[in-house]
Protein backbone atom coordinates (compact mmCIF):
# COMPACT_ATOMS: atom_id res chain seq x y z
CA MET A 1 16.17 -6.74 -2.97
CA GLU A 2 17.88 -5.00 -5.86
CA LEU A 3 16.55 -1.97 -7.87
CA TYR A 4 18.17 -0.14 -10.73
CA ASN A 5 19.10 3.34 -9.41
CA THR A 6 19.21 5.78 -12.27
CA LEU A 7 21.46 8.00 -10.21
CA ALA A 8 24.08 5.36 -9.78
CA GLY A 9 23.50 3.81 -13.20
CA LYS A 10 23.39 0.27 -11.85
CA LEU A 11 21.57 -2.16 -9.72
CA GLU A 12 21.85 -1.56 -5.98
CA LYS A 13 20.62 -3.35 -2.90
CA PHE A 14 17.64 -1.50 -1.48
CA VAL A 15 17.44 -0.82 2.20
CA PRO A 16 15.20 2.00 3.41
CA GLN A 17 16.40 4.69 5.87
CA ASN A 18 13.80 3.38 8.33
CA SER A 19 14.31 -0.41 8.58
CA HIS A 20 10.51 -0.91 8.58
CA GLN A 21 9.11 1.82 6.25
CA ALA A 22 10.03 2.91 2.71
CA THR A 23 9.11 6.39 1.59
CA LEU A 24 7.97 6.67 -2.02
CA TYR A 25 7.22 9.82 -4.05
CA THR A 26 5.82 9.42 -7.59
CA CYS A 27 5.04 12.13 -10.12
CA GLY A 28 1.30 12.04 -10.88
CA PRO A 29 -0.62 13.62 -13.66
CA THR A 30 -0.82 17.12 -14.91
CA VAL A 31 -4.58 17.44 -14.91
CA TYR A 32 -5.38 19.33 -18.13
CA ASP A 33 -6.24 16.27 -20.23
CA PHE A 34 -7.10 12.49 -19.98
CA SER A 35 -4.13 10.19 -19.00
CA HIS A 36 -3.07 8.16 -21.95
CA ILE A 37 -1.94 4.52 -21.83
CA GLY A 38 1.68 5.51 -21.78
CA ASN A 39 1.14 7.49 -18.56
CA LEU A 40 -0.81 4.55 -17.17
CA ARG A 41 2.07 2.15 -17.84
CA THR A 42 4.22 4.30 -15.58
CA TYR A 43 1.57 4.27 -12.79
CA LEU A 44 1.39 0.39 -13.19
CA PHE A 45 5.10 -0.09 -12.75
CA GLU A 46 4.96 2.12 -9.63
CA ASP A 47 2.12 -0.08 -8.31
CA ILE A 48 4.25 -3.24 -8.81
CA LEU A 49 7.08 -1.52 -7.00
CA LYS A 50 4.86 -0.67 -4.06
CA ARG A 51 3.34 -4.16 -3.90
CA THR A 52 6.82 -5.72 -4.11
CA LEU A 53 8.14 -3.52 -1.33
CA LYS A 54 5.22 -4.74 0.89
CA LEU A 55 5.84 -8.31 -0.11
CA ALA A 56 9.48 -7.83 1.00
CA GLY A 57 8.20 -6.86 4.45
CA PHE A 58 8.31 -3.04 4.37
CA SER A 59 5.37 -0.69 5.02
CA VAL A 60 5.23 2.00 2.30
CA LYS A 61 4.42 5.70 2.79
CA HIS A 62 3.49 6.84 -0.70
CA VAL A 63 2.79 10.34 -1.84
CA MET A 64 1.75 11.21 -5.43
CA ASN A 65 1.51 14.78 -6.62
CA ILE A 66 -1.30 16.27 -8.76
CA THR A 67 -0.03 19.17 -10.91
CA ASP A 68 -3.06 21.42 -10.94
CA VAL A 69 -1.26 24.68 -11.90
CA ASP A 70 1.39 25.03 -14.65
CA ASP A 71 1.68 26.26 -18.23
CA LYS A 72 -0.59 23.49 -19.62
CA THR A 73 -3.35 23.74 -17.09
CA ILE A 74 -3.51 27.50 -17.49
CA GLU A 75 -3.58 27.30 -21.21
CA LYS A 76 -6.40 24.77 -21.07
CA SER A 77 -8.40 26.85 -18.69
CA GLN A 78 -7.88 29.95 -20.87
CA ALA A 79 -8.77 28.08 -24.09
CA ASP A 80 -11.97 26.49 -22.66
CA LYS A 81 -12.87 29.62 -20.77
CA ILE A 82 -13.46 27.45 -17.65
CA GLU A 83 -12.24 28.20 -14.12
CA LEU A 84 -8.85 26.44 -13.55
CA SER A 85 -10.02 24.46 -10.44
CA LYS A 86 -13.07 23.08 -12.41
CA ILE A 87 -10.82 21.81 -15.20
CA THR A 88 -8.25 20.27 -12.88
CA LYS A 89 -10.86 18.61 -10.60
CA GLN A 90 -12.59 17.08 -13.60
CA TYR A 91 -9.49 15.51 -15.01
CA GLU A 92 -8.18 14.44 -11.55
CA ALA A 93 -11.51 12.51 -11.01
CA THR A 94 -11.12 10.72 -14.35
CA PHE A 95 -7.52 9.85 -13.53
CA VAL A 96 -8.46 8.36 -10.10
CA ALA A 97 -11.21 6.34 -11.71
CA ASP A 98 -8.79 4.96 -14.31
CA ILE A 99 -6.20 3.86 -11.77
CA LYS A 100 -8.80 2.17 -9.68
CA LYS A 101 -9.98 0.18 -12.78
CA LEU A 102 -6.45 -1.04 -13.17
CA ASN A 103 -6.31 -2.20 -9.54
CA ILE A 104 -3.59 0.33 -8.73
CA ILE A 105 -3.42 0.99 -4.98
CA LEU A 106 -4.09 4.58 -4.30
CA PRO A 107 -1.23 6.54 -2.58
CA ASP A 108 -1.52 7.41 1.05
CA LYS A 109 -1.92 11.03 0.00
CA PHE A 110 -2.43 13.01 -3.20
CA THR A 111 -0.71 16.40 -2.97
CA ARG A 112 -2.13 19.19 -5.20
CA ALA A 113 0.29 21.93 -6.10
CA THR A 114 -2.20 24.83 -5.40
CA GLU A 115 -2.43 23.57 -1.74
CA TYR A 116 1.39 23.97 -1.11
CA ILE A 117 2.08 27.52 -2.35
CA GLY A 118 3.32 28.59 1.13
CA GLN A 119 5.87 25.81 1.23
CA MET A 120 7.04 26.72 -2.32
CA VAL A 121 7.50 30.37 -1.31
CA ASN A 122 9.54 29.38 1.71
CA LEU A 123 11.75 27.01 -0.38
CA ILE A 124 12.44 29.64 -2.97
CA ALA A 125 13.21 32.23 -0.32
CA ALA A 126 15.81 29.74 1.15
CA LEU A 127 17.43 29.37 -2.27
CA GLU A 128 17.60 33.04 -2.70
CA LYS A 129 19.24 33.44 0.69
CA LYS A 130 21.88 30.84 -0.25
CA GLY A 131 22.66 32.66 -3.48
CA LEU A 132 21.33 29.89 -5.71
CA ALA A 133 18.34 31.93 -7.06
CA TYR A 134 18.04 35.41 -8.37
CA LYS A 135 15.24 37.79 -9.29
CA THR A 136 14.95 39.36 -12.73
CA PRO A 137 13.60 42.85 -13.50
CA ASP A 138 10.14 41.59 -14.27
CA GLY A 139 9.89 40.01 -10.70
CA SER A 140 10.40 36.38 -11.74
CA ILE A 141 12.88 34.26 -9.84
CA TYR A 142 15.22 31.79 -11.46
CA PHE A 143 17.48 28.98 -10.21
CA SER A 144 21.14 29.57 -11.23
CA ILE A 145 22.37 26.12 -12.34
CA SER A 146 25.98 27.29 -12.52
CA LYS A 147 25.90 27.82 -8.69
CA PHE A 148 24.89 24.18 -8.07
CA LYS A 149 28.05 22.15 -8.71
CA ASP A 150 26.31 18.74 -8.98
CA TYR A 151 23.80 19.95 -11.64
CA GLY A 152 23.50 17.17 -14.31
CA LYS A 153 24.37 14.23 -12.10
CA LEU A 154 21.15 12.36 -12.65
CA SER A 155 20.79 12.90 -16.43
CA LYS A 156 24.62 12.66 -16.92
CA LEU A 157 24.47 16.00 -18.61
CA ASP A 158 27.58 17.44 -20.14
CA LYS A 159 27.67 20.94 -18.60
CA LYS A 160 30.22 22.20 -21.14
CA GLY A 161 27.31 23.09 -23.46
CA ILE A 162 25.47 25.18 -20.97
CA LYS A 163 25.37 28.92 -21.94
CA SER A 164 25.88 30.92 -18.76
CA GLY A 165 23.08 33.21 -17.96
CA ALA A 166 20.60 31.65 -20.48
CA ARG A 167 17.15 31.34 -19.07
CA VAL A 168 13.89 29.44 -19.94
CA ASN A 169 10.51 30.71 -18.76
CA GLN A 170 8.38 27.72 -19.83
CA ASP A 171 7.93 24.79 -17.55
CA GLU A 172 9.31 22.12 -19.93
CA TYR A 173 12.29 22.37 -22.30
CA GLN A 174 14.45 20.06 -24.26
CA LYS A 175 17.67 18.26 -23.18
CA GLU A 176 19.72 20.25 -25.70
CA ASN A 177 18.50 23.52 -23.93
CA PRO A 178 19.87 23.39 -20.35
CA ALA A 179 19.49 26.82 -18.75
CA ASP A 180 18.43 28.60 -15.63
CA PHE A 181 14.78 27.68 -14.93
CA ALA A 182 11.94 29.67 -13.36
CA LEU A 183 11.11 29.02 -9.73
CA TRP A 184 8.57 31.76 -9.52
CA LYS A 185 6.83 33.38 -12.52
CA ALA A 186 5.84 36.97 -12.17
CA TRP A 187 2.19 37.67 -13.24
CA ASP A 188 1.54 38.71 -16.77
CA GLU A 189 -1.64 39.20 -18.75
CA ALA A 190 -1.52 35.72 -20.23
CA ASP A 191 -2.09 34.23 -16.70
CA GLY A 192 -5.39 36.04 -16.37
CA ASP A 193 -6.76 35.65 -12.83
CA ILE A 194 -4.37 32.85 -11.86
CA TYR A 195 -1.87 34.18 -9.39
CA TRP A 196 -0.94 34.39 -5.68
CA LEU A 197 0.07 37.47 -3.75
CA THR A 198 3.16 36.32 -1.72
CA SER A 199 6.29 37.87 -0.24
CA LEU A 200 7.86 36.89 -3.58
CA GLY A 201 5.46 39.20 -5.38
CA LYS A 202 2.34 38.64 -7.51
CA GLY A 203 2.74 35.41 -9.54
CA ARG A 204 2.75 31.63 -9.53
CA PRO A 205 5.28 28.83 -9.07
CA GLY A 206 7.16 27.15 -11.81
CA TRP A 207 6.47 23.49 -12.35
CA HIS A 208 9.74 22.02 -10.95
CA ILE A 209 9.54 23.60 -7.57
CA GLU A 210 6.17 22.10 -6.92
CA CYS A 211 7.44 18.59 -6.40
CA SER A 212 10.39 19.65 -4.32
CA ALA A 213 8.12 21.50 -1.90
CA MET A 214 5.38 18.82 -1.71
CA SER A 215 7.80 15.86 -1.21
CA GLN A 216 9.78 17.77 1.40
CA ALA A 217 6.54 18.63 3.27
CA GLU A 218 5.10 15.17 3.32
CA LEU A 219 8.10 12.83 3.31
CA GLY A 220 11.06 14.90 4.66
CA GLU A 221 14.28 16.23 3.18
CA THR A 222 15.56 12.83 2.10
CA ILE A 223 13.26 10.14 0.55
CA ASP A 224 13.94 6.61 -0.25
CA ILE A 225 12.54 6.22 -3.77
CA HIS A 226 11.42 8.76 -6.32
CA ALA A 227 9.84 7.17 -9.41
CA GLY A 228 8.46 8.36 -12.72
CA ALA A 229 8.76 8.05 -16.45
CA VAL A 230 12.18 8.37 -18.30
CA ASP A 231 11.12 11.68 -19.97
CA LEU A 232 11.07 13.29 -16.53
CA ILE A 233 14.77 12.58 -15.94
CA PHE A 234 15.62 15.89 -17.61
CA PRO A 235 14.77 18.62 -16.93
CA HIS A 236 12.24 17.90 -14.20
CA HIS A 237 13.95 15.45 -11.92
CA GLU A 238 17.35 17.07 -12.45
CA ASN A 239 15.85 20.37 -11.39
CA GLU A 240 14.13 18.83 -8.35
CA ILE A 241 17.55 17.61 -7.18
CA ALA A 242 19.13 21.05 -7.59
CA GLN A 243 16.30 22.79 -5.77
CA SER A 244 15.96 20.26 -2.96
CA GLU A 245 19.60 19.70 -2.33
CA GLY A 246 20.49 23.31 -2.82
CA ALA A 247 18.05 24.31 -0.07
CA SER A 248 18.67 21.51 2.42
CA GLY A 249 22.31 20.54 1.89
CA LYS A 250 21.13 16.94 2.21
CA LYS A 251 20.70 14.10 -0.26
CA PHE A 252 17.23 14.45 -1.80
CA VAL A 253 16.56 11.01 -3.12
CA ARG A 254 18.35 7.73 -2.45
CA PHE A 255 16.98 5.70 -5.29
CA TRP A 256 15.62 7.01 -8.58
CA LEU A 257 13.54 4.62 -10.67
CA HIS A 258 12.33 5.40 -14.20
CA GLY A 259 9.97 3.54 -16.43
CA GLU A 260 10.50 3.43 -20.21
CA HIS A 261 8.08 4.54 -22.85
CA LEU A 262 5.13 2.80 -24.30
CA LEU A 263 5.24 2.90 -28.01
CA VAL A 264 2.17 2.44 -30.36
CA ASN A 265 2.95 0.35 -33.49
CA GLY A 266 6.57 1.22 -32.97
CA LYS A 267 6.06 5.01 -32.72
CA ARG A 268 5.94 7.52 -29.87
CA MET A 269 2.32 8.24 -28.99
CA ALA A 270 0.96 11.56 -30.25
CA LYS A 271 -2.37 13.01 -31.22
CA SER A 272 -0.78 14.10 -34.53
CA GLU A 273 0.10 10.48 -35.27
CA ASN A 274 -3.52 9.42 -34.56
CA ASN A 275 -2.24 6.80 -32.08
CA PHE A 276 -3.07 8.52 -28.78
CA TYR A 277 -5.24 6.03 -26.67
CA THR A 278 -6.85 6.39 -23.29
CA LEU A 279 -8.17 3.61 -21.03
CA LEU A 280 -11.63 4.43 -22.35
CA ASP A 281 -10.53 3.65 -25.89
CA ILE A 282 -9.44 0.28 -24.69
CA VAL A 283 -12.72 -0.47 -23.00
CA LYS A 284 -14.65 0.73 -26.10
CA LYS A 285 -12.85 -1.96 -28.11
CA GLY A 286 -14.16 -4.67 -25.74
CA PHE A 287 -11.10 -5.16 -23.49
CA ASP A 288 -11.01 -5.19 -19.72
CA PRO A 289 -8.63 -2.61 -18.15
CA LEU A 290 -6.83 -5.57 -16.52
CA ASP A 291 -5.98 -6.93 -19.97
CA PHE A 292 -3.85 -3.81 -20.35
CA ARG A 293 -2.38 -4.44 -16.94
CA TYR A 294 -1.41 -7.97 -18.00
CA LEU A 295 0.29 -6.52 -21.15
CA CYS A 296 2.38 -4.16 -19.09
CA LEU A 297 3.45 -6.99 -16.80
CA SER A 298 4.78 -8.79 -19.89
CA ALA A 299 7.55 -6.30 -20.43
CA HIS A 300 10.20 -5.16 -17.92
CA TYR A 301 9.57 -1.62 -16.72
CA ARG A 302 12.96 -0.40 -18.02
CA ASP A 303 12.26 -1.86 -21.55
CA LYS A 304 10.14 -0.09 -24.10
CA LEU A 305 6.76 -1.69 -24.65
CA ASN A 306 5.22 -1.77 -28.08
CA PHE A 307 1.39 -1.53 -27.85
CA THR A 308 -0.67 -2.95 -30.70
CA TRP A 309 -4.23 -4.23 -30.67
CA GLU A 310 -2.87 -7.62 -31.51
CA SER A 311 -0.58 -7.65 -28.45
CA LEU A 312 -3.47 -6.48 -26.27
CA THR A 313 -5.59 -9.32 -27.65
CA GLY A 314 -2.84 -11.77 -26.71
CA ALA A 315 -2.80 -10.33 -23.18
CA LYS A 316 -6.57 -10.67 -22.93
CA ASN A 317 -6.38 -14.27 -24.13
CA ALA A 318 -3.70 -15.16 -21.61
CA ARG A 319 -5.56 -13.57 -18.65
CA THR A 320 -8.89 -15.23 -19.73
CA ARG A 321 -7.17 -18.60 -19.96
CA ALA A 322 -5.67 -18.15 -16.49
CA ILE A 323 -9.00 -17.32 -15.03
CA LYS A 324 -10.68 -20.27 -16.72
CA ILE A 325 -8.01 -22.65 -15.42
CA LEU A 326 -8.20 -21.32 -11.88
CA SER A 327 -11.99 -21.08 -11.82
CA SER A 328 -12.12 -24.93 -12.41
CA ARG A 329 -9.99 -25.53 -9.29
CA PRO A 330 -11.08 -25.88 -5.69
CA ARG A 331 -11.49 -22.80 -3.57
CA PRO A 332 -8.21 -21.35 -2.19
CA ASP A 333 -8.90 -22.39 1.38
CA ARG A 334 -8.64 -26.02 0.30
CA GLY A 335 -4.96 -25.77 -0.79
CA SER A 336 -1.56 -24.76 0.59
CA ILE A 337 0.91 -22.28 -0.92
CA ASN A 338 3.84 -24.02 -2.68
CA SER A 339 6.98 -22.43 -1.19
CA GLU A 340 9.25 -23.45 -4.09
CA TYR A 341 7.19 -21.49 -6.67
CA ILE A 342 6.66 -18.61 -4.38
CA SER A 343 10.40 -18.41 -3.71
CA LYS A 344 11.15 -18.24 -7.44
CA PHE A 345 8.40 -15.61 -7.91
CA LYS A 346 9.75 -13.45 -5.07
CA SER A 347 13.34 -13.80 -6.40
CA ALA A 348 12.21 -12.54 -9.82
CA LEU A 349 10.37 -9.52 -8.28
CA GLU A 350 13.32 -8.64 -6.03
CA ASN A 351 15.55 -8.62 -8.98
CA ASP A 352 14.53 -5.13 -10.21
CA LEU A 353 10.83 -5.96 -10.60
CA ASN A 354 11.36 -8.62 -13.28
CA THR A 355 7.61 -9.09 -14.11
CA PRO A 356 8.16 -11.10 -17.33
CA GLU A 357 9.98 -13.73 -15.19
CA THR A 358 7.23 -13.71 -12.62
CA LEU A 359 4.71 -14.52 -15.49
CA ALA A 360 6.97 -17.37 -16.57
CA VAL A 361 6.96 -18.70 -13.05
CA PHE A 362 3.19 -18.36 -12.84
CA TRP A 363 2.66 -20.39 -16.13
CA ASN A 364 5.11 -23.02 -15.16
CA LEU A 365 3.04 -23.37 -12.01
CA LEU A 366 -0.19 -23.78 -13.91
CA ARG A 367 1.35 -26.41 -16.17
CA ASP A 368 3.02 -28.36 -13.43
CA GLU A 369 1.01 -31.63 -13.09
CA LYS A 370 2.83 -32.63 -9.96
CA ILE A 371 1.28 -29.88 -7.89
CA PRO A 372 -2.15 -30.70 -6.39
CA ALA A 373 -4.97 -28.63 -7.79
CA GLY A 374 -5.74 -26.84 -4.49
CA ASP A 375 -2.12 -25.97 -3.82
CA LYS A 376 -1.82 -24.65 -7.45
CA LYS A 377 -4.74 -22.32 -6.97
CA ALA A 378 -3.70 -21.12 -3.61
CA THR A 379 -0.20 -20.38 -4.88
CA ALA A 380 -1.48 -18.64 -8.04
CA LEU A 381 -3.72 -16.39 -6.04
CA LYS A 382 -0.88 -15.51 -3.75
CA MET A 383 1.00 -14.41 -6.86
CA ASP A 384 -2.11 -12.41 -7.92
CA GLU A 385 -1.55 -10.23 -4.85
CA ILE A 386 1.17 -8.63 -6.99
CA PHE A 387 -0.24 -9.14 -10.41
CA ALA A 388 -3.72 -7.81 -9.30
CA LEU A 389 -5.38 -9.30 -12.35
CA ASP A 390 -8.51 -10.51 -10.45
CA LEU A 391 -7.60 -14.12 -11.29
CA ASP A 392 -10.00 -15.29 -8.60
CA LYS A 393 -12.98 -13.86 -10.30
CA VAL A 394 -15.01 -15.86 -12.84
CA SER A 395 -15.42 -13.86 -15.97
CA THR A 396 -18.99 -12.99 -17.00
CA SER A 397 -18.69 -15.39 -19.93
CA GLU A 398 -17.91 -18.15 -17.51
CA ILE A 399 -20.88 -17.60 -15.23
CA PRO A 400 -23.92 -19.68 -16.07
CA ALA A 401 -27.02 -17.77 -17.15
CA GLY A 402 -28.98 -16.27 -14.21
CA VAL A 403 -26.14 -16.54 -11.72
CA GLN A 404 -24.97 -12.90 -11.95
CA LYS A 405 -28.52 -11.67 -11.38
CA LEU A 406 -28.77 -13.77 -8.19
CA VAL A 407 -25.31 -12.57 -7.06
CA ASP A 408 -26.47 -8.98 -7.35
CA GLU A 409 -29.79 -9.75 -5.57
CA ARG A 410 -27.77 -11.42 -2.77
CA LYS A 411 -25.49 -8.36 -2.55
CA VAL A 412 -28.47 -6.18 -1.83
CA ALA A 413 -29.95 -8.61 0.64
CA ARG A 414 -26.58 -8.66 2.62
CA LYS A 415 -26.41 -4.91 2.58
CA GLU A 416 -29.94 -4.82 4.01
CA LYS A 417 -28.92 -7.48 6.55
CA ASN A 418 -31.61 -9.83 5.19
CA PHE A 419 -29.57 -12.94 5.90
CA GLU A 420 -32.46 -15.34 5.40
CA LEU A 421 -32.89 -14.21 1.81
CA SER A 422 -29.09 -14.17 1.38
CA ASP A 423 -28.86 -17.88 2.40
CA LYS A 424 -31.72 -18.70 0.06
CA LEU A 425 -30.02 -16.99 -2.90
CA ARG A 426 -26.72 -18.66 -2.06
CA GLY A 427 -28.55 -22.06 -2.43
CA GLN A 428 -29.99 -21.05 -5.78
CA ILE A 429 -26.46 -20.00 -6.98
CA GLU A 430 -25.04 -23.35 -6.01
CA GLU A 431 -27.84 -25.17 -7.83
CA LEU A 432 -26.65 -23.38 -11.00
CA GLY A 433 -23.08 -24.72 -10.53
CA CYS A 434 -21.27 -21.93 -8.73
CA THR A 435 -20.25 -21.20 -5.13
CA VAL A 436 -20.02 -17.87 -3.46
CA GLU A 437 -17.26 -16.79 -1.04
CA ASP A 438 -17.82 -13.63 1.16
CA THR A 439 -14.66 -11.62 1.78
CA ASP A 440 -13.71 -8.29 3.18
CA SER A 441 -13.55 -6.96 -0.41
CA GLY A 442 -16.94 -8.33 -1.33
CA SER A 443 -18.47 -11.58 -2.64
CA LYS A 444 -16.54 -13.68 -5.14
CA VAL A 445 -18.03 -16.32 -7.39
CA TYR A 446 -16.37 -19.62 -8.28
CA SER A 447 -17.49 -22.39 -10.54
CA LYS A 448 -17.65 -25.69 -8.76
């Protein structure tokens, strides 16, 4: 299995430190607003990564952070005059609901920055002790990038342009402005009642230190894979490396993976451009969230993806067509998986998550008249363990009138353990041209 390692700038064979388990840390949302579809594209690529690692035989220990204190969340709390935790919990709940709708497997653990202040304080103290951090007269603490010789190795930053002693207090800054960054921000009036009293003084952590502390606490000093969007390479991920390796003296991350931007009509998404879309916007237009998932699969994660309503319609039509083809086939237990097609499918995935190629293999399978119908369906649904497009579910438009009502009634009957009624309803469903299969994840409907 080969993955493109941003740090190395090339494809490298992936082997985890532990031969059976891969550790994965992904940058989650800053919960001050709704996640837009560009954010969601990143989380989808990370989901494909995790599913591919599992297909390759590894177990995966996955941690995703929730940034629930930083400049943006505080500004939102102050502007709306609502308690910070209420704001962040509201947007976190919406985020989790969105990724569930996209069939993204939840991480083993969400880590919230506000729950790791003690670990951040200890990490900052270790950096101070090593001479990599210094305190300013106002009580803030900064990382001295000139003291860390490898600073810039991830972003390939030319350190000649760095102005010695320059500092930035805000959490985010541009690539042309490399400077010492805040690890701990001394309290000021703009923070209101958002602060912690610690051995470092009264204040709060900077954004960058949060991920270093949380990943180290949950996954150890060296992790296998750290993934996120390309706009995090600098300064966020560069600063994570400096903090983590500066404190531990060990390699922080073995493989860095970054997903490219999603454009809208060829432009970067921005509210000022009136092209800022959330998952809810897609649903309101009559699309299934999984139509967007299909669209993301159609482009390689390291390539820009141009979102248009026309391209999303094309993805919807392709997914609907696949479901229609497969719903007319026998149930999966009546066929065998075709090893040749699965081998091609796995080869594409293990070549840096080449999802466009996997879709090509999938459609070649559906068009292959030499493959028995049952084998075709069983193989396609095996592929859908990665795609996660719910290709085994008959769309509402394909279910004959009255069937869904009976399915819902049968679900209630099974929950109440009224198996006599459940069997009776099954018979009525079959009389209307469908079959029901009961699985661990619920009942699934197939047209006969």
